[in-house]
PDB file of all heavy atoms in Angstrom:
ATOM      1  N   GLU A   1     161.163  26.615 -23.769  1.00  0.00           N
ATOM      2  CA  GLU A   1     162.047  25.611 -24.344  1.00  0.00           C
ATOM      3  C   GLU A   1     161.345  24.620 -25.269  1.00  0.00           C
ATOM      4  O   GLU A   1     161.816  24.286 -26.326  1.00  0.00           O
ATOM      5  CB  GLU A   1     162.802  24.898 -23.261  1.00  0.00           C
ATOM      6  CG  GLU A   1     163.793  25.728 -22.449  1.00  0.00           C
ATOM      7  CD  GLU A   1     164.445  24.969 -21.364  1.00  0.00           C
ATOM      8  OE1 GLU A   1     164.171  23.717 -21.195  1.00  0.00           O
ATOM      9  OE2 GLU A   1     165.303  25.483 -20.632  1.00  0.00           O
ATOM     10  N   ALA A   2     160.150  24.220 -24.821  1.00  0.00           N
ATOM     11  CA  ALA A   2     159.371  23.289 -25.601  1.00  0.00           C
ATOM     12  C   ALA A   2     158.938  23.958 -26.958  1.00  0.00           C
ATOM     13  O   ALA A   2     159.022  23.319 -28.033  1.00  0.00           O
ATOM     14  CB  ALA A   2     158.152  22.899 -24.800  1.00  0.00           C
ATOM     15  N   ALA A   3     158.506  25.206 -26.856  1.00  0.00           N
ATOM     16  CA  ALA A   3     158.085  25.905 -28.089  1.00  0.00           C
ATOM     17  C   ALA A   3     159.279  26.109 -29.055  1.00  0.00           C
ATOM     18  O   ALA A   3     159.094  26.066 -30.291  1.00  0.00           O
ATOM     19  CB  ALA A   3     157.488  27.303 -27.736  1.00  0.00           C
ATOM     20  N   ASP A   4     160.530  26.280 -28.517  1.00  0.00           N
ATOM     21  CA  ASP A   4     161.685  26.370 -29.333  1.00  0.00           C
ATOM     22  C   ASP A   4     162.186  25.040 -29.834  1.00  0.00           C
ATOM     23  O   ASP A   4     163.149  25.043 -30.683  1.00  0.00           O
ATOM     24  CB  ASP A   4     162.791  27.098 -28.531  1.00  0.00           C
ATOM     25  CG  ASP A   4     162.458  28.553 -28.277  1.00  0.00           C
ATOM     26  OD1 ASP A   4     161.660  29.108 -29.014  1.00  0.00           O
ATOM     27  OD2 ASP A   4     163.027  29.130 -27.322  1.00  0.00           O
ATOM     28  N   GLY A   5     161.720  24.008 -29.240  1.00  0.00           N
ATOM     29  CA  GLY A   5     162.286  22.651 -29.608  1.00  0.00           C
ATOM     30  C   GLY A   5     163.492  22.280 -28.938  1.00  0.00           C
ATOM     31  O   GLY A   5     164.233  21.399 -29.313  1.00  0.00           O
ATOM     32  N   THR A   6     163.839  22.988 -27.820  1.00  0.00           N
ATOM     33  CA  THR A   6     165.058  22.706 -27.078  1.00  0.00           C
ATOM     34  C   THR A   6     164.841  22.034 -25.811  1.00  0.00           C
ATOM     35  O   THR A   6     165.807  21.770 -25.096  1.00  0.00           O
ATOM     36  CB  THR A   6     165.870  24.120 -26.818  1.00  0.00           C
ATOM     37  OG1 THR A   6     165.001  24.939 -25.968  1.00  0.00           O
ATOM     38  CG2 THR A   6     166.243  24.804 -28.132  1.00  0.00           C
ATOM     39  N   LEU A   7     163.607  21.670 -25.467  1.00  0.00           N
ATOM     40  CA  LEU A   7     163.356  20.968 -24.213  1.00  0.00           C
ATOM     41  C   LEU A   7     163.817  19.535 -24.381  1.00  0.00           C
ATOM     42  O   LEU A   7     163.557  18.901 -25.395  1.00  0.00           O
ATOM     43  CB  LEU A   7     161.815  20.916 -23.913  1.00  0.00           C
ATOM     44  CG  LEU A   7     161.368  20.371 -22.571  1.00  0.00           C
ATOM     45  CD1 LEU A   7     161.982  21.164 -21.450  1.00  0.00           C
ATOM     46  CD2 LEU A   7     159.854  20.290 -22.490  1.00  0.00           C
ATOM     47  N   SER A   8     164.524  19.056 -23.372  1.00  0.00           N
ATOM     48  CA  SER A   8     165.176  17.745 -23.363  1.00  0.00           C
ATOM     49  C   SER A   8     164.151  16.614 -23.719  1.00  0.00           C
ATOM     50  O   SER A   8     163.195  16.444 -22.979  1.00  0.00           O
ATOM     51  CB  SER A   8     165.857  17.426 -22.115  1.00  0.00           C
ATOM     52  OG  SER A   8     166.271  16.090 -22.039  1.00  0.00           O
ATOM     53  N   GLN A   9     164.385  15.903 -24.802  1.00  0.00           N
ATOM     54  CA  GLN A   9     163.517  14.830 -25.161  1.00  0.00           C
ATOM     55  C   GLN A   9     163.569  13.629 -24.173  1.00  0.00           C
ATOM     56  O   GLN A   9     162.639  12.913 -23.920  1.00  0.00           O
ATOM     57  CB  GLN A   9     163.809  14.337 -26.589  1.00  0.00           C
ATOM     58  CG  GLN A   9     163.515  15.393 -27.667  1.00  0.00           C
ATOM     59  CD  GLN A   9     162.011  15.779 -27.651  1.00  0.00           C
ATOM     60  OE1 GLN A   9     161.104  14.930 -27.643  1.00  0.00           O
ATOM     61  NE2 GLN A   9     161.767  17.143 -27.637  1.00  0.00           N
ATOM     62  N   ASP A  10     164.818  13.477 -23.600  1.00  0.00           N
ATOM     63  CA  ASP A  10     164.982  12.431 -22.629  1.00  0.00           C
ATOM     64  C   ASP A  10     164.138  12.673 -21.394  1.00  0.00           C
ATOM     65  O   ASP A  10     163.636  11.797 -20.801  1.00  0.00           O
ATOM     66  CB  ASP A  10     166.472  12.302 -22.230  1.00  0.00           C
ATOM     67  CG  ASP A  10     167.332  11.778 -23.344  1.00  0.00           C
ATOM     68  OD1 ASP A  10     166.779  11.145 -24.271  1.00  0.00           O
ATOM     69  OD2 ASP A  10     168.558  12.048 -23.387  1.00  0.00           O
ATOM     70  N   ALA A  11     164.094  14.008 -21.014  1.00  0.00           N
ATOM     71  CA  ALA A  11     163.317  14.403 -19.838  1.00  0.00           C
ATOM     72  C   ALA A  11     161.845  14.156 -20.082  1.00  0.00           C
ATOM     73  O   ALA A  11     161.129  13.626 -19.198  1.00  0.00           O
ATOM     74  CB  ALA A  11     163.543  15.842 -19.436  1.00  0.00           C
ATOM     75  N   ILE A  12     161.369  14.502 -21.316  1.00  0.00           N
ATOM     76  CA  ILE A  12     159.952  14.322 -21.675  1.00  0.00           C
ATOM     77  C   ILE A  12     159.645  12.823 -21.615  1.00  0.00           C
ATOM     78  O   ILE A  12     158.592  12.409 -21.089  1.00  0.00           O
ATOM     79  CB  ILE A  12     159.757  14.916 -23.077  1.00  0.00           C
ATOM     80  CG1 ILE A  12     159.843  16.401 -23.014  1.00  0.00           C
ATOM     81  CG2 ILE A  12     158.297  14.532 -23.537  1.00  0.00           C
ATOM     82  CD1 ILE A  12     159.735  17.033 -24.369  1.00  0.00           C
ATOM     83  N   ALA A  13     160.573  12.034 -22.161  1.00  0.00           N
ATOM     84  CA  ALA A  13     160.322  10.553 -22.236  1.00  0.00           C
ATOM     85  C   ALA A  13     160.307   9.963 -20.833  1.00  0.00           C
ATOM     86  O   ALA A  13     159.439   9.112 -20.486  1.00  0.00           O
ATOM     87  CB  ALA A  13     161.424   9.897 -23.102  1.00  0.00           C
ATOM     88  N   SER A  14     161.144  10.413 -19.950  1.00  0.00           N
ATOM     89  CA  SER A  14     161.178   9.873 -18.594  1.00  0.00           C
ATOM     90  C   SER A  14     159.895  10.264 -17.844  1.00  0.00           C
ATOM     91  O   SER A  14     159.323   9.414 -17.081  1.00  0.00           O
ATOM     92  CB  SER A  14     162.354  10.453 -17.829  1.00  0.00           C
ATOM     93  OG  SER A  14     162.294  11.800 -17.607  1.00  0.00           O
ATOM     94  N   GLY A  15     159.407  11.466 -18.074  1.00  0.00           N
ATOM     95  CA  GLY A  15     158.110  11.861 -17.441  1.00  0.00           C
ATOM     96  C   GLY A  15     156.974  11.012 -17.994  1.00  0.00           C
ATOM     97  O   GLY A  15     156.071  10.613 -17.186  1.00  0.00           O
ATOM     98  N   SER A  16     157.003  10.767 -19.255  1.00  0.00           N
ATOM     99  CA  SER A  16     155.950   9.916 -19.865  1.00  0.00           C
ATOM    100  C   SER A  16     155.953   8.561 -19.303  1.00  0.00           C
ATOM    101  O   SER A  16     154.918   7.944 -19.001  1.00  0.00           O
ATOM    102  CB  SER A  16     156.098   9.928 -21.373  1.00  0.00           C
ATOM    103  OG  SER A  16     155.142   9.103 -21.982  1.00  0.00           O
ATOM    104  N   ASP A  17     157.201   8.031 -19.162  1.00  0.00           N
ATOM    105  CA  ASP A  17     157.319   6.630 -18.576  1.00  0.00           C
ATOM    106  C   ASP A  17     156.808   6.547 -17.147  1.00  0.00           C
ATOM    107  O   ASP A  17     156.141   5.613 -16.688  1.00  0.00           O
ATOM    108  CB  ASP A  17     158.782   6.258 -18.652  1.00  0.00           C
ATOM    109  CG  ASP A  17     159.308   5.977 -20.094  1.00  0.00           C
ATOM    110  OD1 ASP A  17     158.460   5.825 -20.974  1.00  0.00           O
ATOM    111  OD2 ASP A  17     160.545   5.995 -20.327  1.00  0.00           O
ATOM    112  N   ASP A  18     157.129   7.562 -16.391  1.00  0.00           N
ATOM    113  CA  ASP A  18     156.674   7.658 -15.006  1.00  0.00           C
ATOM    114  C   ASP A  18     155.143   7.606 -14.911  1.00  0.00           C
ATOM    115  O   ASP A  18     154.507   6.889 -14.134  1.00  0.00           O
ATOM    116  CB  ASP A  18     157.153   8.869 -14.245  1.00  0.00           C
ATOM    117  CG  ASP A  18     158.655   8.754 -14.050  1.00  0.00           C
ATOM    118  OD1 ASP A  18     159.241   7.639 -14.177  1.00  0.00           O
ATOM    119  OD2 ASP A  18     159.230   9.866 -13.839  1.00  0.00           O
ATOM    120  N   MET A  19     154.519   8.401 -15.782  1.00  0.00           N
ATOM    121  CA  MET A  19     153.014   8.400 -15.773  1.00  0.00           C
ATOM    122  C   MET A  19     152.434   7.118 -16.257  1.00  0.00           C
ATOM    123  O   MET A  19     151.454   6.698 -15.724  1.00  0.00           O
ATOM    124  CB  MET A  19     152.544   9.599 -16.640  1.00  0.00           C
ATOM    125  CG  MET A  19     152.858  10.947 -16.155  1.00  0.00           C
ATOM    126  SD  MET A  19     152.146  11.275 -14.461  1.00  0.00           S
ATOM    127  CE  MET A  19     150.414  11.190 -14.901  1.00  0.00           C
ATOM    128  N   GLU A  20     153.049   6.461 -17.257  1.00  0.00           N
ATOM    129  CA  GLU A  20     152.560   5.169 -17.726  1.00  0.00           C
ATOM    130  C   GLU A  20     152.717   4.157 -16.673  1.00  0.00           C
ATOM    131  O   GLU A  20     151.832   3.275 -16.457  1.00  0.00           O
ATOM    132  CB  GLU A  20     153.324   4.816 -18.977  1.00  0.00           C
ATOM    133  CG  GLU A  20     152.982   5.630 -20.263  1.00  0.00           C
ATOM    134  CD  GLU A  20     153.766   5.247 -21.402  1.00  0.00           C
ATOM    135  OE1 GLU A  20     154.569   4.328 -21.330  1.00  0.00           O
ATOM    136  OE2 GLU A  20     153.591   5.895 -22.499  1.00  0.00           O
ATOM    137  N   GLY A  21     153.843   4.208 -15.944  1.00  0.00           N
ATOM    138  CA  GLY A  21     154.025   3.224 -14.885  1.00  0.00           C
ATOM    139  C   GLY A  21     153.038   3.423 -13.730  1.00  0.00           C
ATOM    140  O   GLY A  21     152.526   2.423 -13.214  1.00  0.00           O
ATOM    141  N   MET A  22     152.740   4.669 -13.368  1.00  0.00           N
ATOM    142  CA  MET A  22     151.762   4.967 -12.390  1.00  0.00           C
ATOM    143  C   MET A  22     150.375   4.480 -12.786  1.00  0.00           C
ATOM    144  O   MET A  22     149.694   3.894 -11.998  1.00  0.00           O
ATOM    145  CB  MET A  22     151.731   6.509 -12.065  1.00  0.00           C
ATOM    146  CG  MET A  22     150.647   6.840 -10.996  1.00  0.00           C
ATOM    147  SD  MET A  22     150.991   6.262  -9.353  1.00  0.00           S
ATOM    148  CE  MET A  22     152.332   7.321  -8.875  1.00  0.00           C
ATOM    149  N   ALA A  23     149.980   4.778 -14.034  1.00  0.00           N
ATOM    150  CA  ALA A  23     148.729   4.347 -14.512  1.00  0.00           C
ATOM    151  C   ALA A  23     148.550   2.857 -14.517  1.00  0.00           C
ATOM    152  O   ALA A  23     147.565   2.326 -14.140  1.00  0.00           O
ATOM    153  CB  ALA A  23     148.505   4.927 -15.915  1.00  0.00           C
ATOM    154  N   PHE A  24     149.677   2.166 -15.004  1.00  0.00           N
ATOM    155  CA  PHE A  24     149.612   0.700 -14.979  1.00  0.00           C
ATOM    156  C   PHE A  24     149.445   0.135 -13.608  1.00  0.00           C
ATOM    157  O   PHE A  24     148.630  -0.783 -13.328  1.00  0.00           O
ATOM    158  CB  PHE A  24     150.955   0.147 -15.619  1.00  0.00           C
ATOM    159  CG  PHE A  24     151.020  -1.403 -15.590  1.00  0.00           C
ATOM    160  CD1 PHE A  24     150.336  -2.141 -16.463  1.00  0.00           C
ATOM    161  CD2 PHE A  24     151.762  -1.987 -14.571  1.00  0.00           C
ATOM    162  CE1 PHE A  24     150.411  -3.520 -16.393  1.00  0.00           C
ATOM    163  CE2 PHE A  24     151.847  -3.373 -14.536  1.00  0.00           C
ATOM    164  CZ  PHE A  24     151.199  -4.178 -15.451  1.00  0.00           C
ATOM    165  N   PHE A  25     150.211   0.712 -12.610  1.00  0.00           N
ATOM    166  CA  PHE A  25     150.056   0.226 -11.234  1.00  0.00           C
ATOM    167  C   PHE A  25     148.747   0.447 -10.755  1.00  0.00           C
ATOM    168  O   PHE A  25     148.144  -0.446 -10.045  1.00  0.00           O
ATOM    169  CB  PHE A  25     151.128   1.015 -10.394  1.00  0.00           C
ATOM    170  CG  PHE A  25     150.935   0.666  -8.912  1.00  0.00           C
ATOM    171  CD1 PHE A  25     151.493  -0.512  -8.364  1.00  0.00           C
ATOM    172  CD2 PHE A  25     150.341   1.511  -8.080  1.00  0.00           C
ATOM    173  CE1 PHE A  25     151.317  -0.866  -7.046  1.00  0.00           C
ATOM    174  CE2 PHE A  25     150.118   1.173  -6.680  1.00  0.00           C
ATOM    175  CZ  PHE A  25     150.651   0.006  -6.191  1.00  0.00           C
ATOM    176  N   LEU A  26     148.095   1.686 -10.964  1.00  0.00           N
ATOM    177  CA  LEU A  26     146.778   1.940 -10.427  1.00  0.00           C
ATOM    178  C   LEU A  26     145.810   0.965 -10.979  1.00  0.00           C
ATOM    179  O   LEU A  26     144.866   0.515 -10.301  1.00  0.00           O
ATOM    180  CB  LEU A  26     146.403   3.395 -10.675  1.00  0.00           C
ATOM    181  CG  LEU A  26     147.146   4.396  -9.848  1.00  0.00           C
ATOM    182  CD1 LEU A  26     146.732   5.780 -10.263  1.00  0.00           C
ATOM    183  CD2 LEU A  26     146.869   4.241  -8.342  1.00  0.00           C
ATOM    184  N   ILE A  27     145.841   0.727 -12.305  1.00  0.00           N
ATOM    185  CA  ILE A  27     144.920  -0.167 -12.953  1.00  0.00           C
ATOM    186  C   ILE A  27     145.049  -1.563 -12.401  1.00  0.00           C
ATOM    187  O   ILE A  27     144.041  -2.264 -12.073  1.00  0.00           O
ATOM    188  CB  ILE A  27     145.151  -0.240 -14.475  1.00  0.00           C
ATOM    189  CG1 ILE A  27     144.713   1.175 -15.119  1.00  0.00           C
ATOM    190  CG2 ILE A  27     144.320  -1.288 -15.123  1.00  0.00           C
ATOM    191  CD1 ILE A  27     145.030   1.315 -16.527  1.00  0.00           C
ATOM    192  N   PHE A  28     146.277  -2.042 -12.249  1.00  0.00           N
ATOM    193  CA  PHE A  28     146.607  -3.340 -11.706  1.00  0.00           C
ATOM    194  C   PHE A  28     146.068  -3.441 -10.306  1.00  0.00           C
ATOM    195  O   PHE A  28     145.466  -4.429  -9.865  1.00  0.00           O
ATOM    196  CB  PHE A  28     148.104  -3.637 -11.676  1.00  0.00           C
ATOM    197  CG  PHE A  28     148.517  -4.953 -11.058  1.00  0.00           C
ATOM    198  CD1 PHE A  28     148.370  -6.106 -11.784  1.00  0.00           C
ATOM    199  CD2 PHE A  28     149.039  -4.938  -9.726  1.00  0.00           C
ATOM    200  CE1 PHE A  28     148.712  -7.305 -11.111  1.00  0.00           C
ATOM    201  CE2 PHE A  28     149.310  -6.082  -9.168  1.00  0.00           C
ATOM    202  CZ  PHE A  28     149.226  -7.313  -9.796  1.00  0.00           C
ATOM    203  N   TRP A  29     146.394  -2.367  -9.424  1.00  0.00           N
ATOM    204  CA  TRP A  29     145.967  -2.377  -8.113  1.00  0.00           C
ATOM    205  C   TRP A  29     144.423  -2.395  -7.976  1.00  0.00           C
ATOM    206  O   TRP A  29     143.848  -3.135  -7.114  1.00  0.00           O
ATOM    207  CB  TRP A  29     146.522  -1.138  -7.434  1.00  0.00           C
ATOM    208  CG  TRP A  29     146.305  -1.068  -5.917  1.00  0.00           C
ATOM    209  CD1 TRP A  29     147.029  -1.582  -4.964  1.00  0.00           C
ATOM    210  CD2 TRP A  29     145.152  -0.440  -5.236  1.00  0.00           C
ATOM    211  NE1 TRP A  29     146.489  -1.280  -3.718  1.00  0.00           N
ATOM    212  CE2 TRP A  29     145.309  -0.575  -3.887  1.00  0.00           C
ATOM    213  CE3 TRP A  29     144.049   0.279  -5.781  1.00  0.00           C
ATOM    214  CZ2 TRP A  29     144.447  -0.138  -2.935  1.00  0.00           C
ATOM    215  CZ3 TRP A  29     143.165   0.756  -4.794  1.00  0.00           C
ATOM    216  CH2 TRP A  29     143.317   0.574  -3.440  1.00  0.00           C
ATOM    217  N   LEU A  30     143.757  -1.590  -8.772  1.00  0.00           N
ATOM    218  CA  LEU A  30     142.273  -1.494  -8.665  1.00  0.00           C
ATOM    219  C   LEU A  30     141.697  -2.843  -9.101  1.00  0.00           C
ATOM    220  O   LEU A  30     140.681  -3.337  -8.469  1.00  0.00           O
ATOM    221  CB  LEU A  30     141.770  -0.387  -9.612  1.00  0.00           C
ATOM    222  CG  LEU A  30     142.004   1.080  -9.077  1.00  0.00           C
ATOM    223  CD1 LEU A  30     141.579   2.022 -10.159  1.00  0.00           C
ATOM    224  CD2 LEU A  30     141.218   1.330  -7.836  1.00  0.00           C
ATOM    225  N   ALA A  31     142.258  -3.469 -10.099  1.00  0.00           N
ATOM    226  CA  ALA A  31     141.707  -4.724 -10.599  1.00  0.00           C
ATOM    227  C   ALA A  31     141.867  -5.870  -9.588  1.00  0.00           C
ATOM    228  O   ALA A  31     140.892  -6.609  -9.319  1.00  0.00           O
ATOM    229  CB  ALA A  31     142.391  -5.130 -11.882  1.00  0.00           C
ATOM    230  N   ILE A  32     143.073  -6.036  -9.020  1.00  0.00           N
ATOM    231  CA  ILE A  32     143.305  -7.097  -8.087  1.00  0.00           C
ATOM    232  C   ILE A  32     142.775  -6.846  -6.728  1.00  0.00           C
ATOM    233  O   ILE A  32     141.957  -7.594  -6.184  1.00  0.00           O
ATOM    234  CB  ILE A  32     144.800  -7.353  -8.053  1.00  0.00           C
ATOM    235  CG1 ILE A  32     145.422  -7.668  -9.401  1.00  0.00           C
ATOM    236  CG2 ILE A  32     145.114  -8.548  -7.040  1.00  0.00           C
ATOM    237  CD1 ILE A  32     144.790  -8.882 -10.073  1.00  0.00           C
ATOM    238  N   VAL A  33     143.182  -5.733  -6.103  1.00  0.00           N
ATOM    239  CA  VAL A  33     142.759  -5.393  -4.731  1.00  0.00           C
ATOM    240  C   VAL A  33     141.263  -5.105  -4.724  1.00  0.00           C
ATOM    241  O   VAL A  33     140.548  -5.562  -3.786  1.00  0.00           O
ATOM    242  CB  VAL A  33     143.490  -4.228  -4.216  1.00  0.00           C
ATOM    243  CG1 VAL A  33     143.043  -3.835  -2.810  1.00  0.00           C
ATOM    244  CG2 VAL A  33     145.050  -4.499  -4.128  1.00  0.00           C
ATOM    245  N   GLY A  34     140.771  -4.471  -5.719  1.00  0.00           N
ATOM    246  CA  GLY A  34     139.312  -4.200  -5.792  1.00  0.00           C
ATOM    247  C   GLY A  34     138.469  -5.412  -5.824  1.00  0.00           C
ATOM    248  O   GLY A  34     137.466  -5.500  -5.144  1.00  0.00           O
ATOM    249  N   LEU A  35     138.964  -6.384  -6.650  1.00  0.00           N
ATOM    250  CA  LEU A  35     138.249  -7.711  -6.732  1.00  0.00           C
ATOM    251  C   LEU A  35     138.175  -8.342  -5.385  1.00  0.00           C
ATOM    252  O   LEU A  35     137.123  -8.858  -4.980  1.00  0.00           O
ATOM    253  CB  LEU A  35     138.906  -8.569  -7.803  1.00  0.00           C
ATOM    254  CG  LEU A  35     138.320  -9.984  -7.933  1.00  0.00           C
ATOM    255  CD1 LEU A  35     136.885  -9.909  -8.393  1.00  0.00           C
ATOM    256  CD2 LEU A  35     139.204 -10.790  -8.905  1.00  0.00           C
ATOM    257  N   PHE A  36     139.273  -8.515  -4.735  1.00  0.00           N
ATOM    258  CA  PHE A  36     139.366  -9.173  -3.373  1.00  0.00           C
ATOM    259  C   PHE A  36     138.582  -8.363  -2.363  1.00  0.00           C
ATOM    260  O   PHE A  36     137.975  -8.965  -1.421  1.00  0.00           O
ATOM    261  CB  PHE A  36     140.757  -9.458  -2.971  1.00  0.00           C
ATOM    262  CG  PHE A  36     141.385 -10.618  -3.627  1.00  0.00           C
ATOM    263  CD1 PHE A  36     142.207 -10.475  -4.771  1.00  0.00           C
ATOM    264  CD2 PHE A  36     141.124 -11.927  -3.166  1.00  0.00           C
ATOM    265  CE1 PHE A  36     142.769 -11.582  -5.382  1.00  0.00           C
ATOM    266  CE2 PHE A  36     141.715 -13.004  -3.794  1.00  0.00           C
ATOM    267  CZ  PHE A  36     142.579 -12.848  -4.876  1.00  0.00           C
ATOM    268  N   THR A  37     138.503  -7.052  -2.508  1.00  0.00           N
ATOM    269  CA  THR A  37     137.769  -6.254  -1.543  1.00  0.00           C
ATOM    270  C   THR A  37     136.270  -6.581  -1.689  1.00  0.00           C
ATOM    271  O   THR A  37     135.578  -6.745  -0.694  1.00  0.00           O
ATOM    272  CB  THR A  37     138.058  -4.790  -1.769  1.00  0.00           C
ATOM    273  OG1 THR A  37     139.431  -4.505  -1.595  1.00  0.00           O
ATOM    274  CG2 THR A  37     137.196  -3.941  -0.747  1.00  0.00           C
TER     275      THR A  37
END
């Protein structure tokens, strides 16, 4: 579907948002909790 250009762009965007949110959380968590540790 992706090669044909028929893969849902909304699905792709949602997946990208999830990964960005996870990355942001991990960076935030490592910075704050890591510092206090």
